Amino acid sequence: MLTHHDEGDVAVITLNRPDRRNALNVELCDMLGETIHAKVARGARAIVITGEGSAFCSGADLDAVYGDAFLTSLYGMFAKIRSAPMPVIAAVNGPAIGAGTQLALACDLRMVDDRAVFAVPTARNGLVVDPWTIRRLTELAGGGPARRLLLGAGQLDRDEALQCGLADHAGPISDAIEWASEIATFAPMSLAYSKKVLNNPSLPEDDEDLRAEFLACFASEDVAEGRKARSEKRTPRFTGR
């Protein structure tokens, strides 16, 4: 149902229900959330999420869901991705439909191959997505594409997703891992701070915890390492301290 492995500091997580086109049920959502939590605890510096077979994620398993338990597992899993301190890349290797698009939106960055398609056809089956999904889709793709997906039950293919900003780069899973490997060399505290602000735009500038994290970045050993690396004309080796 789910496989994972580490490539250096990069954790690669693969949805593995190809017979159901990687549709999400309670068990898979819980497994994905638990695996994200484990990778954070292990100290992964970047995470890639992709799908086995011809689809990234075909959405919710409509033969198994619609109850409160599924919604709790689904949105709990999204919350774990969004709160993970390291960047999470969705390697969208095929259709990302409904909850599949939501999964890609919960990630920080999106790499798309030539089979990628995004759609949120909730109006066709009487379902809805939460306000965060709607706002996130609008923020990334723009109001026009968001309305096309939500109100017109339309789709965005790879090129359209790249053009509107929903996707960041085109390429296969190998490119996503290469990108994640580069990101894994960046300063972890800087990445965690930026991700927190990006994912919580309503946080006030005078928030005490946010201010403390801001100052901690400037006082970190990584800042000293960056300065030393520049003087020595080498690549910095950041530790997250």
C-alpha atoms as a PDB file:
ATOM      1  CA  MET A   1       0.000   0.000   0.000  1.00  0.00           C
ATOM      2  CA  LEU A   2       2.983   2.290   0.624  1.00  0.00           C
ATOM      3  CA  THR A   3       6.734   1.910   0.179  1.00  0.00           C
ATOM      4  CA  HIS A   4       9.566   4.174   1.219  1.00  0.00           C
ATOM      5  CA  HIS A   5      13.333   4.364   1.125  1.00  0.00           C
ATOM      6  CA  ASP A   6      16.063   6.901   1.765  1.00  0.00           C
ATOM      7  CA  GLU A   7      18.524   8.254  -0.771  1.00  0.00           C
ATOM      8  CA  GLY A   8      21.022  10.016   1.438  1.00  0.00           C
ATOM      9  CA  ASP A   9      19.161  12.806   3.218  1.00  0.00           C
ATOM     10  CA  VAL A  10      16.153  12.481   0.897  1.00  0.00           C
ATOM     11  CA  ALA A  11      13.194  10.294   1.861  1.00  0.00           C
ATOM     12  CA  VAL A  12      11.235   8.874  -1.079  1.00  0.00           C
ATOM     13  CA  ILE A  13       7.670   7.768  -0.304  1.00  0.00           C
ATOM     14  CA  THR A  14       5.605   5.939  -2.922  1.00  0.00           C
ATOM     15  CA  LEU A  15       1.854   5.358  -2.822  1.00  0.00           C
ATOM     16  CA  ASN A  16       1.573   1.716  -3.850  1.00  0.00           C
ATOM     17  CA  ARG A  17      -2.011   0.805  -4.734  1.00  0.00           C
ATOM     18  CA  PRO A  18      -1.638   0.646  -8.516  1.00  0.00           C
ATOM     19  CA  ASP A  19      -4.714  -1.596  -8.835  1.00  0.00           C
ATOM     20  CA  ARG A  20      -6.743   1.315  -7.375  1.00  0.00           C
ATOM     21  CA  ARG A  21      -4.632   3.977  -9.094  1.00  0.00           C
ATOM     22  CA  ASN A  22      -3.289   4.887  -5.638  1.00  0.00           C
ATOM     23  CA  ALA A  23      -6.682   5.966  -4.317  1.00  0.00           C
ATOM     24  CA  LEU A  24      -6.630   7.075  -0.694  1.00  0.00           C
ATOM     25  CA  ASN A  25      -8.421   5.229   2.091  1.00  0.00           C
ATOM     26  CA  VAL A  26      -8.106   5.501   5.863  1.00  0.00           C
ATOM     27  CA  GLU A  27      -5.276   2.984   6.070  1.00  0.00           C
ATOM     28  CA  LEU A  28      -3.182   4.622   3.351  1.00  0.00           C
ATOM     29  CA  CYS A  29      -3.708   8.134   4.760  1.00  0.00           C
ATOM     30  CA  ASP A  30      -2.656   6.943   8.207  1.00  0.00           C
ATOM     31  CA  MET A  31       0.382   5.136   6.801  1.00  0.00           C
ATOM     32  CA  LEU A  32       1.471   8.191   4.850  1.00  0.00           C
ATOM     33  CA  GLY A  33       1.068  10.465   7.863  1.00  0.00           C
ATOM     34  CA  GLU A  34       2.986   8.048  10.097  1.00  0.00           C
ATOM     35  CA  THR A  35       5.770   7.699   7.519  1.00  0.00           C
ATOM     36  CA  ILE A  36       6.114  11.474   7.231  1.00  0.00           C
ATOM     37  CA  HIS A  37       6.345  11.669  11.021  1.00  0.00           C
ATOM     38  CA  ALA A  38       9.017   8.936  11.055  1.00  0.00           C
ATOM     39  CA  LYS A  39      11.066  10.664   8.355  1.00  0.00           C
ATOM     40  CA  VAL A  40      10.960  13.915  10.326  1.00  0.00           C
ATOM     41  CA  ALA A  41      12.123  12.067  13.445  1.00  0.00           C
ATOM     42  CA  ARG A  42      14.931  10.385  11.482  1.00  0.00           C
ATOM     43  CA  GLY A  43      16.194  13.764  10.321  1.00  0.00           C
ATOM     44  CA  ALA A  44      15.437  13.647   6.608  1.00  0.00           C
ATOM     45  CA  ARG A  45      16.322  16.943   4.940  1.00  0.00           C
ATOM     46  CA  ALA A  46      13.789  16.661   2.081  1.00  0.00           C
ATOM     47  CA  ILE A  47      10.923  14.342   1.144  1.00  0.00           C
ATOM     48  CA  VAL A  48       9.582  13.231  -2.246  1.00  0.00           C
ATOM     49  CA  ILE A  49       6.083  11.745  -2.570  1.00  0.00           C
ATOM     50  CA  THR A  50       5.086   9.932  -5.761  1.00  0.00           C
ATOM     51  CA  GLY A  51       2.781   7.178  -6.994  1.00  0.00           C
ATOM     52  CA  GLU A  52       3.384   3.649  -8.267  1.00  0.00           C
ATOM     53  CA  GLY A  53       2.133   2.860 -11.754  1.00  0.00           C
ATOM     54  CA  SER A  54       0.326   5.194 -14.130  1.00  0.00           C
ATOM     55  CA  ALA A  55      -1.279   7.539 -11.567  1.00  0.00           C
ATOM     56  CA  PHE A  56      -0.005   9.843  -8.846  1.00  0.00           C
ATOM     57  CA  CYS A  57      -3.255   9.536  -6.882  1.00  0.00           C
ATOM     58  CA  SER A  58      -6.750   9.100  -8.302  1.00  0.00           C
ATOM     59  CA  GLY A  59      -8.338  10.666  -5.235  1.00  0.00           C
ATOM     60  CA  ALA A  60     -10.397   9.214  -2.427  1.00  0.00           C
ATOM     61  CA  ASP A  61     -11.338   5.555  -2.682  1.00  0.00           C
ATOM     62  CA  LEU A  62     -15.028   6.129  -3.249  1.00  0.00           C
ATOM     63  CA  ASP A  63     -15.821   2.489  -2.489  1.00  0.00           C
ATOM     64  CA  ALA A  64     -14.483   2.921   1.035  1.00  0.00           C
ATOM     65  CA  VAL A  65     -15.034   6.493   2.213  1.00  0.00           C
ATOM     66  CA  TYR A  66     -17.358   9.411   2.942  1.00  0.00           C
ATOM     67  CA  GLY A  67     -17.273   9.022   6.753  1.00  0.00           C
ATOM     68  CA  ASP A  68     -15.762  11.133   9.509  1.00  0.00           C
ATOM     69  CA  ALA A  69     -12.941   8.626  10.009  1.00  0.00           C
ATOM     70  CA  PHE A  70     -11.713   9.152   6.458  1.00  0.00           C
ATOM     71  CA  LEU A  71     -11.874  12.953   6.695  1.00  0.00           C
ATOM     72  CA  THR A  72      -9.943  12.855   9.977  1.00  0.00           C
ATOM     73  CA  SER A  73      -7.243  10.653   8.441  1.00  0.00           C
ATOM     74  CA  LEU A  74      -7.096  12.618   5.177  1.00  0.00           C
ATOM     75  CA  TYR A  75      -6.770  16.078   6.690  1.00  0.00           C
ATOM     76  CA  GLY A  76      -4.537  14.800   9.476  1.00  0.00           C
ATOM     77  CA  MET A  77      -2.165  13.474   6.821  1.00  0.00           C
ATOM     78  CA  PHE A  78      -2.199  16.809   4.965  1.00  0.00           C
ATOM     79  CA  ALA A  79      -1.429  18.593   8.243  1.00  0.00           C
ATOM     80  CA  LYS A  80       1.622  16.367   8.836  1.00  0.00           C
ATOM     81  CA  ILE A  81       2.984  17.239   5.394  1.00  0.00           C
ATOM     82  CA  ARG A  82       2.400  20.952   5.893  1.00  0.00           C
ATOM     83  CA  SER A  83       3.917  20.979   9.385  1.00  0.00           C
ATOM     84  CA  ALA A  84       6.995  18.913   8.484  1.00  0.00           C
ATOM     85  CA  PRO A  85       9.979  21.266   8.829  1.00  0.00           C
ATOM     86  CA  MET A  86      11.630  20.169   5.598  1.00  0.00           C
ATOM     87  CA  PRO A  87      10.406  20.787   2.030  1.00  0.00           C
ATOM     88  CA  VAL A  88       8.154  18.080   0.593  1.00  0.00           C
ATOM     89  CA  ILE A  89       8.083  17.626  -3.190  1.00  0.00           C
ATOM     90  CA  ALA A  90       5.186  15.966  -5.009  1.00  0.00           C
ATOM     91  CA  ALA A  91       6.529  14.043  -8.004  1.00  0.00           C
ATOM     92  CA  VAL A  92       3.268  13.969  -9.961  1.00  0.00           C
ATOM     93  CA  ASN A  93       3.772  11.037 -12.323  1.00  0.00           C
ATOM     94  CA  GLY A  94       0.205  10.855 -13.651  1.00  0.00           C
ATOM     95  CA  PRO A  95      -3.336  11.979 -12.844  1.00  0.00           C
ATOM     96  CA  ALA A  96      -3.822  13.739  -9.497  1.00  0.00           C
ATOM     97  CA  ILE A  97      -7.580  13.798  -9.108  1.00  0.00           C
ATOM     98  CA  GLY A  98      -9.631  15.169  -6.208  1.00  0.00           C
ATOM     99  CA  ALA A  99      -7.767  14.241  -3.044  1.00  0.00           C
ATOM    100  CA  GLY A 100      -4.769  13.574  -5.310  1.00  0.00           C
ATOM    101  CA  THR A 101      -4.690  17.243  -6.242  1.00  0.00           C
ATOM    102  CA  GLN A 102      -5.116  18.079  -2.554  1.00  0.00           C
ATOM    103  CA  LEU A 103      -2.114  15.882  -1.744  1.00  0.00           C
ATOM    104  CA  ALA A 104      -0.026  17.716  -4.338  1.00  0.00           C
ATOM    105  CA  LEU A 105      -1.217  21.053  -2.925  1.00  0.00           C
ATOM    106  CA  ALA A 106      -0.246  20.036   0.610  1.00  0.00           C
ATOM    107  CA  CYS A 107       3.310  19.518  -0.612  1.00  0.00           C
ATOM    108  CA  ASP A 108       5.620  22.508  -0.903  1.00  0.00           C
ATOM    109  CA  LEU A 109       6.775  21.963  -4.473  1.00  0.00           C
ATOM    110  CA  ARG A 110       5.509  20.018  -7.477  1.00  0.00           C
ATOM    111  CA  MET A 111       7.448  18.232 -10.234  1.00  0.00           C
ATOM    112  CA  VAL A 112       5.241  16.996 -13.093  1.00  0.00           C
ATOM    113  CA  ASP A 113       5.900  14.502 -15.847  1.00  0.00           C
ATOM    114  CA  ASP A 114       4.114  14.477 -19.207  1.00  0.00           C
ATOM    115  CA  ARG A 115       1.224  12.364 -17.854  1.00  0.00           C
ATOM    116  CA  ALA A 116       0.306  14.755 -15.041  1.00  0.00           C
ATOM    117  CA  VAL A 117      -3.296  15.994 -14.861  1.00  0.00           C
ATOM    118  CA  PHE A 118      -4.947  17.930 -12.031  1.00  0.00           C
ATOM    119  CA  ALA A 119      -8.685  17.963 -11.319  1.00  0.00           C
ATOM    120  CA  VAL A 120     -11.045  18.558  -8.384  1.00  0.00           C
ATOM    121  CA  PRO A 121     -14.385  17.187  -9.663  1.00  0.00           C
ATOM    122  CA  THR A 122     -16.277  17.527  -6.375  1.00  0.00           C
ATOM    123  CA  ALA A 123     -19.250  19.157  -8.118  1.00  0.00           C
ATOM    124  CA  ARG A 124     -19.751  15.953 -10.115  1.00  0.00           C
ATOM    125  CA  ASN A 125     -20.221  13.790  -7.008  1.00  0.00           C
ATOM    126  CA  GLY A 126     -21.701  16.139  -4.404  1.00  0.00           C
ATOM    127  CA  LEU A 127     -18.530  16.444  -2.324  1.00  0.00           C
ATOM    128  CA  VAL A 128     -16.574  19.527  -1.270  1.00  0.00           C
ATOM    129  CA  VAL A 129     -13.018  20.340  -0.234  1.00  0.00           C
ATOM    130  CA  ASP A 130     -12.045  22.396   2.787  1.00  0.00           C
ATOM    131  CA  PRO A 131     -11.419  26.174   2.576  1.00  0.00           C
ATOM    132  CA  TRP A 132      -7.649  25.702   2.883  1.00  0.00           C
ATOM    133  CA  THR A 133      -7.608  23.633  -0.315  1.00  0.00           C
ATOM    134  CA  ILE A 134      -9.606  26.252  -2.216  1.00  0.00           C
ATOM    135  CA  ARG A 135      -7.407  29.100  -1.012  1.00  0.00           C
ATOM    136  CA  ARG A 136      -4.194  27.150  -1.643  1.00  0.00           C
ATOM    137  CA  LEU A 137      -5.318  26.256  -5.173  1.00  0.00           C
ATOM    138  CA  THR A 138      -6.185  29.888  -5.850  1.00  0.00           C
ATOM    139  CA  GLU A 139      -2.865  31.080  -4.410  1.00  0.00           C
ATOM    140  CA  LEU A 140      -0.801  28.728  -6.566  1.00  0.00           C
ATOM    141  CA  ALA A 141      -2.790  28.452  -9.791  1.00  0.00           C
ATOM    142  CA  GLY A 142      -4.710  31.746  -9.780  1.00  0.00           C
ATOM    143  CA  GLY A 143      -8.410  32.512  -9.592  1.00  0.00           C
ATOM    144  CA  GLY A 144      -9.244  31.533 -13.161  1.00  0.00           C
ATOM    145  CA  PRO A 145      -7.764  28.025 -13.100  1.00  0.00           C
ATOM    146  CA  ALA A 146      -9.113  27.438  -9.574  1.00  0.00           C
ATOM    147  CA  ARG A 147     -12.628  28.313 -10.721  1.00  0.00           C
ATOM    148  CA  ARG A 148     -12.246  26.103 -13.777  1.00  0.00           C
ATOM    149  CA  LEU A 149     -11.344  23.131 -11.575  1.00  0.00           C
ATOM    150  CA  LEU A 150     -13.855  23.758  -8.780  1.00  0.00           C
ATOM    151  CA  LEU A 151     -16.856  25.293 -10.537  1.00  0.00           C
ATOM    152  CA  GLY A 152     -16.402  23.891 -14.026  1.00  0.00           C
ATOM    153  CA  ALA A 153     -15.086  20.511 -12.855  1.00  0.00           C
ATOM    154  CA  GLY A 154     -12.361  20.915 -15.463  1.00  0.00           C
ATOM    155  CA  GLN A 155      -8.765  19.778 -15.661  1.00  0.00           C
ATOM    156  CA  LEU A 156      -5.270  21.190 -15.988  1.00  0.00           C
ATOM    157  CA  ASP A 157      -2.710  19.192 -17.921  1.00  0.00           C
ATOM    158  CA  ARG A 158       1.028  19.384 -17.340  1.00  0.00           C
ATOM    159  CA  ASP A 159       1.678  22.376 -19.575  1.00  0.00           C
ATOM    160  CA  GLU A 160      -1.269  24.328 -18.171  1.00  0.00           C
ATOM    161  CA  ALA A 161      -0.174  23.552 -14.609  1.00  0.00           C
ATOM    162  CA  LEU A 162       3.342  24.795 -15.368  1.00  0.00           C
ATOM    163  CA  GLN A 163       2.045  27.915 -17.080  1.00  0.00           C
ATOM    164  CA  CYS A 164      -0.286  28.977 -14.254  1.00  0.00           C
ATOM    165  CA  GLY A 165       2.172  28.144 -11.437  1.00  0.00           C
ATOM    166  CA  LEU A 166       0.462  25.101  -9.968  1.00  0.00           C
ATOM    167  CA  ALA A 167       3.523  23.058 -10.979  1.00  0.00           C
ATOM    168  CA  ASP A 168       7.107  24.208 -10.519  1.00  0.00           C
ATOM    169  CA  HIS A 169       9.146  22.029 -12.882  1.00  0.00           C
ATOM    170  CA  ALA A 170       8.623  19.370 -15.541  1.00  0.00           C
ATOM    171  CA  GLY A 171      10.416  16.061 -15.189  1.00  0.00           C
ATOM    172  CA  PRO A 172      10.273  12.443 -13.994  1.00  0.00           C
ATOM    173  CA  ILE A 173      10.727  11.114 -10.465  1.00  0.00           C
ATOM    174  CA  SER A 174      14.512  10.999 -10.953  1.00  0.00           C
ATOM    175  CA  ASP A 175      14.518  14.771 -11.497  1.00  0.00           C
ATOM    176  CA  ALA A 176      12.407  15.262  -8.374  1.00  0.00           C
ATOM    177  CA  ILE A 177      14.900  13.255  -6.315  1.00  0.00           C
ATOM    178  CA  GLU A 178      17.796  15.224  -7.805  1.00  0.00           C
ATOM    179  CA  TRP A 179      16.046  18.484  -6.924  1.00  0.00           C
ATOM    180  CA  ALA A 180      15.321  17.221  -3.408  1.00  0.00           C
ATOM    181  CA  SER A 181      18.975  16.208  -3.027  1.00  0.00           C
ATOM    182  CA  GLU A 182      20.033  19.760  -3.828  1.00  0.00           C
ATOM    183  CA  ILE A 183      17.485  21.192  -1.388  1.00  0.00           C
ATOM    184  CA  ALA A 184      18.769  18.786   1.266  1.00  0.00           C
ATOM    185  CA  THR A 185      22.086  20.658   1.229  1.00  0.00           C
ATOM    186  CA  PHE A 186      20.432  23.964   2.155  1.00  0.00           C
ATOM    187  CA  ALA A 187      20.248  25.351   5.707  1.00  0.00           C
ATOM    188  CA  PRO A 188      17.485  23.416   7.542  1.00  0.00           C
ATOM    189  CA  MET A 189      16.573  26.228   9.943  1.00  0.00           C
ATOM    190  CA  SER A 190      16.167  28.674   7.061  1.00  0.00           C
ATOM    191  CA  LEU A 191      13.958  26.233   5.168  1.00  0.00           C
ATOM    192  CA  ALA A 192      11.818  25.452   8.221  1.00  0.00           C
ATOM    193  CA  TYR A 193      11.305  29.142   9.006  1.00  0.00           C
ATOM    194  CA  SER A 194      10.361  30.030   5.422  1.00  0.00           C
ATOM    195  CA  LYS A 195       8.000  27.056   5.137  1.00  0.00           C
ATOM    196  CA  LYS A 196       6.264  27.977   8.392  1.00  0.00           C
ATOM    197  CA  VAL A 197       5.607  31.542   7.228  1.00  0.00           C
ATOM    198  CA  LEU A 198       4.536  30.455   3.739  1.00  0.00           C
ATOM    199  CA  ASN A 199       2.068  27.936   5.159  1.00  0.00           C
ATOM    200  CA  ASN A 200       0.741  30.296   7.838  1.00  0.00           C
ATOM    201  CA  PRO A 201       0.321  33.689   6.125  1.00  0.00           C
ATOM    202  CA  SER A 202      -1.992  34.949   8.865  1.00  0.00           C
ATOM    203  CA  LEU A 203       0.718  34.724  11.536  1.00  0.00           C
ATOM    204  CA  PRO A 204       1.323  38.252  12.859  1.00  0.00           C
ATOM    205  CA  GLU A 205       4.789  39.673  12.431  1.00  0.00           C
ATOM    206  CA  ASP A 206       5.077  40.182  16.187  1.00  0.00           C
ATOM    207  CA  ASP A 207       4.272  36.539  16.990  1.00  0.00           C
ATOM    208  CA  GLU A 208       6.738  35.668  19.770  1.00  0.00           C
ATOM    209  CA  ASP A 209       7.553  32.156  18.561  1.00  0.00           C
ATOM    210  CA  LEU A 210       8.025  33.344  14.984  1.00  0.00           C
ATOM    211  CA  ARG A 211      10.294  36.171  16.135  1.00  0.00           C
ATOM    212  CA  ALA A 212      12.328  33.720  18.206  1.00  0.00           C
ATOM    213  CA  GLU A 213      12.797  31.437  15.199  1.00  0.00           C
ATOM    214  CA  PHE A 214      13.794  34.421  13.063  1.00  0.00           C
ATOM    215  CA  LEU A 215      16.473  35.482  15.540  1.00  0.00           C
ATOM    216  CA  ALA A 216      17.635  31.896  16.052  1.00  0.00           C
ATOM    217  CA  CYS A 217      18.418  31.611  12.343  1.00  0.00           C
ATOM    218  CA  PHE A 218      20.689  34.653  12.506  1.00  0.00           C
ATOM    219  CA  ALA A 219      22.402  33.319  15.638  1.00  0.00           C
ATOM    220  CA  SER A 220      22.820  29.786  14.303  1.00  0.00           C
ATOM    221  CA  GLU A 221      26.014  27.871  13.659  1.00  0.00           C
ATOM    222  CA  ASP A 222      24.838  27.552  10.054  1.00  0.00           C
ATOM    223  CA  VAL A 223      25.216  31.299   9.540  1.00  0.00           C
ATOM    224  CA  ALA A 224      28.805  31.041  10.738  1.00  0.00           C
ATOM    225  CA  GLU A 225      29.341  28.034   8.499  1.00  0.00           C
ATOM    226  CA  GLY A 226      27.959  29.929   5.501  1.00  0.00           C
ATOM    227  CA  ARG A 227      30.319  32.815   6.186  1.00  0.00           C
ATOM    228  CA  LYS A 228      33.283  30.468   6.614  1.00  0.00           C
ATOM    229  CA  ALA A 229      32.431  28.549   3.442  1.00  0.00           C
ATOM    230  CA  ARG A 230      32.306  31.791   1.446  1.00  0.00           C
ATOM    231  CA  SER A 231      35.744  32.822   2.704  1.00  0.00           C
ATOM    232  CA  GLU A 232      37.136  29.368   1.943  1.00  0.00           C
ATOM    233  CA  LYS A 233      35.415  29.256  -1.459  1.00  0.00           C
ATOM    234  CA  ARG A 234      33.672  25.952  -0.795  1.00  0.00           C
ATOM    235  CA  THR A 235      30.143  24.613  -0.464  1.00  0.00           C
ATOM    236  CA  PRO A 236      28.764  25.065   3.060  1.00  0.00           C
ATOM    237  CA  ARG A 237      27.917  22.011   5.156  1.00  0.00           C
ATOM    238  CA  PHE A 238      24.837  22.965   7.138  1.00  0.00           C
ATOM    239  CA  THR A 239      23.802  20.996  10.211  1.00  0.00           C
ATOM    240  CA  GLY A 240      20.608  22.722  11.308  1.00  0.00           C
ATOM    241  CA  ARG A 241      22.155  24.175  14.439  1.00  0.00           C
END
